[in-house]
C-alpha atoms as a PDB file:
ATOM      1  CA  MET A   1      -4.545   5.417  20.194  1.00  0.00           C
ATOM      2  CA  ILE A   2      -4.550   3.200  17.135  1.00  0.00           C
ATOM      3  CA  LEU A   3      -1.448   1.058  16.945  1.00  0.00           C
ATOM      4  CA  ARG A   4      -2.549  -1.090  14.023  1.00  0.00           C
ATOM      5  CA  PRO A   5      -5.323   0.043  11.631  1.00  0.00           C
ATOM      6  CA  GLY A   6      -7.941  -2.373  10.425  1.00  0.00           C
ATOM      7  CA  TYR A   7     -11.555  -2.736   9.364  1.00  0.00           C
ATOM      8  CA  VAL A   8     -12.829  -0.581  12.238  1.00  0.00           C
ATOM      9  CA  THR A   9     -11.697   2.921  11.294  1.00  0.00           C
ATOM     10  CA  LYS A  10     -10.469   5.868  13.328  1.00  0.00           C
ATOM     11  CA  GLU A  11     -13.606   7.760  12.296  1.00  0.00           C
ATOM     12  CA  GLN A  12     -15.879   4.949  13.519  1.00  0.00           C
ATOM     13  CA  MET A  13     -14.054   4.778  16.860  1.00  0.00           C
ATOM     14  CA  GLU A  14     -14.384   8.538  17.297  1.00  0.00           C
ATOM     15  CA  ALA A  15     -18.117   8.381  16.561  1.00  0.00           C
ATOM     16  CA  VAL A  16     -18.651   5.682  19.191  1.00  0.00           C
ATOM     17  CA  LEU A  17     -16.289   7.098  21.822  1.00  0.00           C
ATOM     18  CA  GLY A  18     -17.256  10.725  21.322  1.00  0.00           C
ATOM     19  CA  GLU A  19     -13.638  11.822  21.508  1.00  0.00           C
ATOM     20  CA  LYS A  20     -10.588  12.161  19.292  1.00  0.00           C
ATOM     21  CA  VAL A  21      -8.654   8.969  18.572  1.00  0.00           C
ATOM     22  CA  LEU A  22      -4.926   9.310  17.989  1.00  0.00           C
ATOM     23  CA  VAL A  23      -3.013   7.412  15.322  1.00  0.00           C
ATOM     24  CA  ASN A  24       0.480   6.238  16.206  1.00  0.00           C
ATOM     25  CA  HIS A  25       3.004   7.702  13.755  1.00  0.00           C
ATOM     26  CA  ALA A  26       4.498   4.215  13.151  1.00  0.00           C
ATOM     27  CA  ILE A  27       1.366   3.236  11.218  1.00  0.00           C
ATOM     28  CA  LEU A  28       2.402   5.392   8.277  1.00  0.00           C
ATOM     29  CA  GLU A  29       6.112   5.951   8.940  1.00  0.00           C
ATOM     30  CA  LYS A  30       9.210   3.917   9.666  1.00  0.00           C
ATOM     31  CA  LEU A  31      10.205   3.693  13.335  1.00  0.00           C
ATOM     32  CA  LYS A  32      13.119   5.878  14.312  1.00  0.00           C
ATOM     33  CA  ASP A  33      16.406   4.171  15.246  1.00  0.00           C
ATOM     34  CA  GLY A  34      16.116   2.787  18.775  1.00  0.00           C
ATOM     35  CA  GLU A  35      12.352   3.351  18.959  1.00  0.00           C
ATOM     36  CA  VAL A  36      10.427   0.414  20.424  1.00  0.00           C
ATOM     37  CA  ALA A  37       7.541  -1.048  18.419  1.00  0.00           C
ATOM     38  CA  ARG A  38       4.301  -0.835  20.385  1.00  0.00           C
ATOM     39  CA  SER A  39       2.474  -3.386  18.243  1.00  0.00           C
ATOM     40  CA  PRO A  40       3.465  -6.437  16.184  1.00  0.00           C
ATOM     41  CA  GLY A  41       4.203  -5.511  12.617  1.00  0.00           C
ATOM     42  CA  MET A  42       5.189  -1.889  13.300  1.00  0.00           C
ATOM     43  CA  LYS A  43       8.897  -2.452  13.074  1.00  0.00           C
ATOM     44  CA  TYR A  44       9.380  -5.079  10.409  1.00  0.00           C
ATOM     45  CA  LYS A  45       8.995  -5.455   6.674  1.00  0.00           C
ATOM     46  CA  HIS A  46       5.793  -7.505   6.439  1.00  0.00           C
ATOM     47  CA  TYR A  47       3.593  -8.838   3.683  1.00  0.00           C
ATOM     48  CA  ALA A  48       6.270  -8.225   1.083  1.00  0.00           C
ATOM     49  CA  PRO A  49       6.478 -10.193  -2.123  1.00  0.00           C
ATOM     50  CA  LYS A  50       9.905 -11.269  -3.347  1.00  0.00           C
ATOM     51  CA  ALA A  51       9.952  -8.299  -5.763  1.00  0.00           C
ATOM     52  CA  ASP A  52      11.101  -4.826  -4.797  1.00  0.00           C
ATOM     53  CA  VAL A  53       7.931  -2.792  -4.302  1.00  0.00           C
ATOM     54  CA  THR A  54       7.804   0.990  -4.644  1.00  0.00           C
ATOM     55  CA  ILE A  55       4.651   3.015  -3.991  1.00  0.00           C
ATOM     56  CA  LEU A  56       4.079   5.787  -6.515  1.00  0.00           C
ATOM     57  CA  LYS A  57       2.047   8.661  -5.096  1.00  0.00           C
ATOM     58  CA  GLY A  58       0.354  10.932  -7.623  1.00  0.00           C
ATOM     59  CA  SER A  59      -2.100  11.017 -10.513  1.00  0.00           C
ATOM     60  CA  PHE A  60      -2.697   8.034 -12.761  1.00  0.00           C
ATOM     61  CA  GLY A  61      -1.025   9.842 -15.661  1.00  0.00           C
ATOM     62  CA  ALA A  62       2.126  10.505 -13.637  1.00  0.00           C
ATOM     63  CA  TYR A  63       2.073   6.880 -12.423  1.00  0.00           C
ATOM     64  CA  ARG A  64       1.781   5.566 -16.006  1.00  0.00           C
ATOM     65  CA  ASP A  65       4.579   7.870 -17.233  1.00  0.00           C
ATOM     66  CA  TYR A  66       6.913   6.852 -14.395  1.00  0.00           C
ATOM     67  CA  ILE A  67       6.375   3.177 -15.146  1.00  0.00           C
ATOM     68  CA  ALA A  68       6.940   3.754 -18.883  1.00  0.00           C
ATOM     69  CA  ALA A  69      10.296   5.372 -18.046  1.00  0.00           C
ATOM     70  CA  HIS A  70      11.234   2.423 -15.791  1.00  0.00           C
ATOM     71  CA  ALA A  71       9.805  -0.487 -17.812  1.00  0.00           C
ATOM     72  CA  GLY A  72      11.886  -3.608 -18.292  1.00  0.00           C
ATOM     73  CA  ASP A  73      12.056  -7.337 -17.696  1.00  0.00           C
ATOM     74  CA  GLY A  74      10.265  -8.341 -14.513  1.00  0.00           C
ATOM     75  CA  VAL A  75       8.602  -4.945 -13.995  1.00  0.00           C
ATOM     76  CA  TRP A  76       4.943  -5.111 -12.972  1.00  0.00           C
ATOM     77  CA  ALA A  77       2.293  -2.543 -12.081  1.00  0.00           C
ATOM     78  CA  LEU A  78       0.037  -2.921  -9.025  1.00  0.00           C
ATOM     79  CA  CYS A  79      -2.867  -0.712  -9.968  1.00  0.00           C
ATOM     80  CA  PHE A  80      -6.580  -0.080  -9.473  1.00  0.00           C
ATOM     81  CA  ASP A  81      -9.452  -1.751 -11.345  1.00  0.00           C
ATOM     82  CA  GLY A  82      -9.704  -0.732 -14.993  1.00  0.00           C
ATOM     83  CA  GLU A  83      -6.174   0.673 -15.285  1.00  0.00           C
ATOM     84  CA  GLU A  84      -4.404  -2.532 -16.364  1.00  0.00           C
ATOM     85  CA  ALA A  85      -4.818  -2.128 -20.145  1.00  0.00           C
ATOM     86  CA  GLN A  86      -3.521   1.457 -20.030  1.00  0.00           C
ATOM     87  CA  LEU A  87      -0.129   0.492 -18.589  1.00  0.00           C
ATOM     88  CA  PRO A  88       3.038  -0.327 -20.552  1.00  0.00           C
ATOM     89  CA  VAL A  89       4.000  -3.326 -18.369  1.00  0.00           C
ATOM     90  CA  PRO A  90       2.105  -6.366 -17.077  1.00  0.00           C
ATOM     91  CA  ALA A  91      -0.368  -5.186 -14.456  1.00  0.00           C
ATOM     92  CA  ILE A  92      -2.551  -6.577 -11.716  1.00  0.00           C
ATOM     93  CA  SER A  93      -5.302  -4.721  -9.882  1.00  0.00           C
ATOM     94  CA  TYR A  94      -5.776  -4.778  -6.138  1.00  0.00           C
ATOM     95  CA  GLY A  95      -9.212  -3.135  -5.989  1.00  0.00           C
ATOM     96  CA  LYS A  96     -11.259  -0.074  -6.832  1.00  0.00           C
ATOM     97  CA  GLU A  97      -9.547   3.288  -6.451  1.00  0.00           C
ATOM     98  CA  GLY A  98     -10.648   4.944  -3.196  1.00  0.00           C
ATOM     99  CA  ASP A  99     -12.421   1.781  -1.992  1.00  0.00           C
ATOM    100  CA  GLY A 100     -10.400   0.590   0.989  1.00  0.00           C
ATOM    101  CA  ILE A 101     -12.606  -2.443   1.521  1.00  0.00           C
ATOM    102  CA  SER A 102     -12.010  -3.856  -1.978  1.00  0.00           C
ATOM    103  CA  GLU A 103      -8.293  -2.990  -1.751  1.00  0.00           C
ATOM    104  CA  ALA A 104      -7.968  -4.652   1.671  1.00  0.00           C
ATOM    105  CA  HIS A 105      -9.816  -7.726   0.426  1.00  0.00           C
ATOM    106  CA  ASN A 106      -7.411  -8.211  -2.499  1.00  0.00           C
ATOM    107  CA  LEU A 107      -4.005  -6.900  -1.385  1.00  0.00           C
ATOM    108  CA  PHE A 108      -2.441 -10.062   0.070  1.00  0.00           C
ATOM    109  CA  THR A 109      -3.759 -12.231  -2.767  1.00  0.00           C
ATOM    110  CA  VAL A 110      -2.256 -10.017  -5.459  1.00  0.00           C
ATOM    111  CA  LEU A 111       1.079  -9.715  -3.632  1.00  0.00           C
ATOM    112  CA  ARG A 112       1.306 -13.516  -3.659  1.00  0.00           C
ATOM    113  CA  GLU A 113       0.194 -13.561  -7.305  1.00  0.00           C
ATOM    114  CA  LEU A 114       3.093 -11.228  -8.167  1.00  0.00           C
ATOM    115  CA  ASP A 115       5.421 -13.827  -6.609  1.00  0.00           C
ATOM    116  CA  ARG A 116       3.864 -16.588  -8.728  1.00  0.00           C
ATOM    117  CA  LYS A 117       4.270 -14.490 -11.881  1.00  0.00           C
ATOM    118  CA  GLY A 118       7.955 -13.826 -11.161  1.00  0.00           C
ATOM    119  CA  ALA A 119       7.758 -10.057 -10.684  1.00  0.00           C
ATOM    120  CA  LYS A 120      11.144  -8.511  -9.872  1.00  0.00           C
ATOM    121  CA  THR A 121      10.063  -4.874  -9.515  1.00  0.00           C
ATOM    122  CA  VAL A 122       6.545  -3.695  -8.657  1.00  0.00           C
ATOM    123  CA  TYR A 123       5.297  -0.119  -8.899  1.00  0.00           C
ATOM    124  CA  ALA A 124       2.161   0.231  -6.775  1.00  0.00           C
ATOM    125  CA  ARG A 125      -0.546   2.867  -7.022  1.00  0.00           C
ATOM    126  CA  CYS A 126      -0.849   4.583  -3.668  1.00  0.00           C
ATOM    127  CA  PRO A 127      -4.119   4.025  -1.782  1.00  0.00           C
ATOM    128  CA  LEU A 128      -5.712   6.679   0.381  1.00  0.00           C
ATOM    129  CA  SER A 129      -4.493   6.837   3.965  1.00  0.00           C
ATOM    130  CA  ASP A 130      -7.777   7.263   5.839  1.00  0.00           C
ATOM    131  CA  GLY A 131     -10.695   5.022   6.743  1.00  0.00           C
ATOM    132  CA  VAL A 132     -10.155   1.367   5.851  1.00  0.00           C
ATOM    133  CA  SER A 133      -7.596   2.555   3.290  1.00  0.00           C
ATOM    134  CA  MET A 134      -5.289   3.443   6.199  1.00  0.00           C
ATOM    135  CA  ALA A 135      -4.949  -0.285   6.914  1.00  0.00           C
ATOM    136  CA  VAL A 136      -4.209  -0.958   3.235  1.00  0.00           C
ATOM    137  CA  TYR A 137      -1.591   1.793   3.130  1.00  0.00           C
ATOM    138  CA  ASN A 138      -0.079   0.469   6.367  1.00  0.00           C
ATOM    139  CA  ARG A 139       0.348  -3.014   4.899  1.00  0.00           C
ATOM    140  CA  LEU A 140       1.482  -1.790   1.485  1.00  0.00           C
ATOM    141  CA  ILE A 141       4.088   0.628   2.844  1.00  0.00           C
ATOM    142  CA  ARG A 142       5.632  -2.255   4.786  1.00  0.00           C
ATOM    143  CA  ALA A 143       5.618  -4.451   1.689  1.00  0.00           C
ATOM    144  CA  ALA A 144       7.466  -1.585  -0.015  1.00  0.00           C
ATOM    145  CA  ALA A 145       9.960  -1.252   2.865  1.00  0.00           C
ATOM    146  CA  PHE A 146       8.820   2.406   3.077  1.00  0.00           C
ATOM    147  CA  ARG A 147       9.856   3.237  -0.512  1.00  0.00           C
ATOM    148  CA  VAL A 148       7.439   5.935  -1.661  1.00  0.00           C
ATOM    149  CA  VAL A 149       8.046   8.193  -4.671  1.00  0.00           C
ATOM    150  CA  GLU A 150       5.997  11.328  -5.381  1.00  0.00           C
ATOM    151  CA  VAL A 151       5.196  11.419  -9.119  1.00  0.00           C
END
């Protein structure tokens, strides 16, 4: 069972082991009240910038429209490469869409950069939740304190 996703993916483990590998629900969801964390980082808000982060799950167009409706002082977009100029607020990319390795490589750096730039509210594009992207989603959902909005 995977308790904390990382560079070695569930799919790679299954290929080597020749059997199904389980994923603990706490990787992608908040622990239930009274539930004991089985791995460091499962229970707490980690990796969060000072800003309030919300993950927006949906198409780029819906993401852009949601941000336009919620634009204001201190609002930033955490997006994928090439999307920055199309957004109505200051934006910073954390990697190529669908490329968990580039997203994982950049995520912590850009979260700290948002702190340096004084972001108050950050709307993040949602990464995939499989392969290496599962680790990115795991870290990002904790930075967002589990705030995810379907757009």
